[in-house]
Amino acid sequence: MDNRSEPARDPHVTGAEAEQRRSAAARLFDLRRVIGGLFAVYGIIVTLVGVFDSQAEIDKAEGVRINLWAGLAMLGFGLLMLLWQWLRPAEPPASPEERGVVGPPDGER
């Protein structure tokens, strides 16, 4: 038994299904989705805190509703990241065959 670095081949998986799986995996691990989602959730929370700030908290910040503005900025950034991810989805990585990478010749390993 030799240890070649060839991927396991499933006879039931066609090329289109393999491409679809790679595409789904690329979208699943897209950092724009994670960053955008976290910023949007935290932005909503901080915005709500800013809307319900007491007058003492506003006076402490020199009359600026800092939680409201920071929350709106975070929410805007999160939505921008999610919009970017939706408009330009992640491309799946090229398969070794598409890149022209071939395994080592027999006997070199």
C-alpha atoms as a PDB file:
ATOM      1  CA  MET A   1       0.000   0.000   0.000  1.00  0.00           C
ATOM      2  CA  ASP A   2       1.443   3.395  -0.951  1.00  0.00           C
ATOM      3  CA  ASN A   3       0.555   6.874   0.272  1.00  0.00           C
ATOM      4  CA  ARG A   4      -0.229   8.879  -2.815  1.00  0.00           C
ATOM      5  CA  SER A   5      -1.675  12.329  -2.373  1.00  0.00           C
ATOM      6  CA  GLU A   6      -4.573  11.741  -4.734  1.00  0.00           C
ATOM      7  CA  PRO A   7      -8.025  12.679  -3.461  1.00  0.00           C
ATOM      8  CA  ALA A   8     -10.505   9.888  -2.910  1.00  0.00           C
ATOM      9  CA  ARG A   9     -12.782   9.445  -5.914  1.00  0.00           C
ATOM     10  CA  ASP A  10     -16.452   8.733  -5.353  1.00  0.00           C
ATOM     11  CA  PRO A  11     -17.941   7.106  -8.443  1.00  0.00           C
ATOM     12  CA  HIS A  12     -21.357   8.546  -7.575  1.00  0.00           C
ATOM     13  CA  VAL A  13     -20.194  12.172  -7.508  1.00  0.00           C
ATOM     14  CA  THR A  14     -20.183  13.886 -10.868  1.00  0.00           C
ATOM     15  CA  GLY A  15     -18.053  16.865 -11.777  1.00  0.00           C
ATOM     16  CA  ALA A  16     -21.021  19.219 -11.391  1.00  0.00           C
ATOM     17  CA  GLU A  17     -21.768  17.922  -7.902  1.00  0.00           C
ATOM     18  CA  ALA A  18     -18.142  18.307  -6.866  1.00  0.00           C
ATOM     19  CA  GLU A  19     -18.131  21.883  -8.200  1.00  0.00           C
ATOM     20  CA  GLN A  20     -21.346  22.611  -6.313  1.00  0.00           C
ATOM     21  CA  ARG A  21     -19.845  21.262  -3.075  1.00  0.00           C
ATOM     22  CA  ARG A  22     -16.696  23.384  -3.475  1.00  0.00           C
ATOM     23  CA  SER A  23     -18.830  26.455  -4.186  1.00  0.00           C
ATOM     24  CA  ALA A  24     -21.005  25.855  -1.116  1.00  0.00           C
ATOM     25  CA  ALA A  25     -17.921  25.374   1.070  1.00  0.00           C
ATOM     26  CA  ALA A  26     -16.383  28.611  -0.242  1.00  0.00           C
ATOM     27  CA  ARG A  27     -19.569  30.553   0.572  1.00  0.00           C
ATOM     28  CA  LEU A  28     -19.952  28.916   3.986  1.00  0.00           C
ATOM     29  CA  PHE A  29     -16.525  30.010   5.192  1.00  0.00           C
ATOM     30  CA  ASP A  30     -16.638  33.506   3.689  1.00  0.00           C
ATOM     31  CA  LEU A  31     -15.379  35.884   6.390  1.00  0.00           C
ATOM     32  CA  ARG A  32     -17.504  38.725   5.074  1.00  0.00           C
ATOM     33  CA  ARG A  33     -20.608  36.852   6.229  1.00  0.00           C
ATOM     34  CA  VAL A  34     -19.257  36.292   9.740  1.00  0.00           C
ATOM     35  CA  ILE A  35     -17.906  39.826  10.166  1.00  0.00           C
ATOM     36  CA  GLY A  36     -21.009  41.416   8.660  1.00  0.00           C
ATOM     37  CA  GLY A  37     -23.351  39.345  10.797  1.00  0.00           C
ATOM     38  CA  LEU A  38     -21.513  40.101  14.032  1.00  0.00           C
ATOM     39  CA  PHE A  39     -21.272  43.824  13.318  1.00  0.00           C
ATOM     40  CA  ALA A  40     -24.955  43.960  12.370  1.00  0.00           C
ATOM     41  CA  VAL A  41     -26.073  42.189  15.557  1.00  0.00           C
ATOM     42  CA  TYR A  42     -23.816  44.266  17.817  1.00  0.00           C
ATOM     43  CA  GLY A  43     -24.834  47.400  15.928  1.00  0.00           C
ATOM     44  CA  ILE A  44     -28.514  46.712  16.607  1.00  0.00           C
ATOM     45  CA  ILE A  45     -27.810  46.144  20.310  1.00  0.00           C
ATOM     46  CA  VAL A  46     -25.690  49.288  20.727  1.00  0.00           C
ATOM     47  CA  THR A  47     -28.192  51.361  18.718  1.00  0.00           C
ATOM     48  CA  LEU A  48     -31.030  50.254  20.983  1.00  0.00           C
ATOM     49  CA  VAL A  49     -28.935  51.112  24.042  1.00  0.00           C
ATOM     50  CA  GLY A  50     -28.270  54.525  22.485  1.00  0.00           C
ATOM     51  CA  VAL A  51     -31.952  55.163  21.816  1.00  0.00           C
ATOM     52  CA  PHE A  52     -32.813  54.489  25.468  1.00  0.00           C
ATOM     53  CA  ASP A  53     -29.838  56.327  27.049  1.00  0.00           C
ATOM     54  CA  SER A  54     -30.682  58.377  30.107  1.00  0.00           C
ATOM     55  CA  GLN A  55     -29.980  62.086  30.280  1.00  0.00           C
ATOM     56  CA  ALA A  56     -27.159  61.426  32.769  1.00  0.00           C
ATOM     57  CA  GLU A  57     -25.397  59.151  30.266  1.00  0.00           C
ATOM     58  CA  ILE A  58     -25.812  61.743  27.502  1.00  0.00           C
ATOM     59  CA  ASP A  59     -24.421  64.470  29.757  1.00  0.00           C
ATOM     60  CA  LYS A  60     -21.472  62.229  30.617  1.00  0.00           C
ATOM     61  CA  ALA A  61     -20.619  62.106  26.892  1.00  0.00           C
ATOM     62  CA  GLU A  62     -20.707  65.912  26.524  1.00  0.00           C
ATOM     63  CA  GLY A  63     -24.223  65.865  25.081  1.00  0.00           C
ATOM     64  CA  VAL A  64     -23.446  63.364  22.306  1.00  0.00           C
ATOM     65  CA  ARG A  65     -25.495  60.184  22.014  1.00  0.00           C
ATOM     66  CA  ILE A  66     -22.337  58.158  21.473  1.00  0.00           C
ATOM     67  CA  ASN A  67     -24.011  54.747  21.787  1.00  0.00           C
ATOM     68  CA  LEU A  68     -26.541  55.686  19.134  1.00  0.00           C
ATOM     69  CA  TRP A  69     -23.925  56.926  16.670  1.00  0.00           C
ATOM     70  CA  ALA A  70     -21.519  54.055  17.320  1.00  0.00           C
ATOM     71  CA  GLY A  71     -24.352  51.543  16.955  1.00  0.00           C
ATOM     72  CA  LEU A  72     -25.491  53.073  13.680  1.00  0.00           C
ATOM     73  CA  ALA A  73     -21.918  53.020  12.366  1.00  0.00           C
ATOM     74  CA  MET A  74     -21.506  49.367  13.352  1.00  0.00           C
ATOM     75  CA  LEU A  75     -24.857  48.464  11.812  1.00  0.00           C
ATOM     76  CA  GLY A  76     -23.956  50.275   8.587  1.00  0.00           C
ATOM     77  CA  PHE A  77     -20.590  48.520   8.372  1.00  0.00           C
ATOM     78  CA  GLY A  78     -22.173  45.129   9.033  1.00  0.00           C
ATOM     79  CA  LEU A  79     -24.814  45.664   6.362  1.00  0.00           C
ATOM     80  CA  LEU A  80     -22.143  46.858   3.941  1.00  0.00           C
ATOM     81  CA  MET A  81     -20.159  43.643   4.483  1.00  0.00           C
ATOM     82  CA  LEU A  82     -23.271  41.512   3.983  1.00  0.00           C
ATOM     83  CA  LEU A  83     -24.189  43.451   0.837  1.00  0.00           C
ATOM     84  CA  TRP A  84     -20.657  42.983  -0.515  1.00  0.00           C
ATOM     85  CA  GLN A  85     -20.851  39.241   0.164  1.00  0.00           C
ATOM     86  CA  TRP A  86     -24.232  39.049  -1.561  1.00  0.00           C
ATOM     87  CA  LEU A  87     -23.189  41.069  -4.639  1.00  0.00           C
ATOM     88  CA  ARG A  88     -19.792  39.361  -5.121  1.00  0.00           C
ATOM     89  CA  PRO A  89     -20.044  35.788  -3.793  1.00  0.00           C
ATOM     90  CA  ALA A  90     -16.861  33.884  -3.057  1.00  0.00           C
ATOM     91  CA  GLU A  91     -15.373  31.904  -5.911  1.00  0.00           C
ATOM     92  CA  PRO A  92     -14.645  28.257  -5.163  1.00  0.00           C
ATOM     93  CA  PRO A  93     -10.979  27.323  -5.283  1.00  0.00           C
ATOM     94  CA  ALA A  94      -9.813  25.679  -8.486  1.00  0.00           C
ATOM     95  CA  SER A  95      -9.480  21.916  -8.438  1.00  0.00           C
ATOM     96  CA  PRO A  96      -5.987  20.448  -8.885  1.00  0.00           C
ATOM     97  CA  GLU A  97      -6.943  19.357 -12.406  1.00  0.00           C
ATOM     98  CA  GLU A  98      -7.940  22.921 -13.338  1.00  0.00           C
ATOM     99  CA  ARG A  99      -4.687  24.319 -11.944  1.00  0.00           C
ATOM    100  CA  GLY A 100      -2.640  21.791 -13.891  1.00  0.00           C
ATOM    101  CA  VAL A 101      -1.150  20.224 -10.773  1.00  0.00           C
ATOM    102  CA  VAL A 102      -0.274  16.609 -11.178  1.00  0.00           C
ATOM    103  CA  GLY A 103       0.802  14.158  -8.523  1.00  0.00           C
ATOM    104  CA  PRO A 104       4.371  12.903  -8.173  1.00  0.00           C
ATOM    105  CA  PRO A 105       5.476  10.242 -10.632  1.00  0.00           C
ATOM    106  CA  ASP A 106       5.381   6.638  -9.441  1.00  0.00           C
ATOM    107  CA  GLY A 107       8.347   5.700  -7.309  1.00  0.00           C
ATOM    108  CA  GLU A 108       9.257   9.250  -6.204  1.00  0.00           C
ATOM    109  CA  ARG A 109       7.517   9.030  -2.892  1.00  0.00           C
END
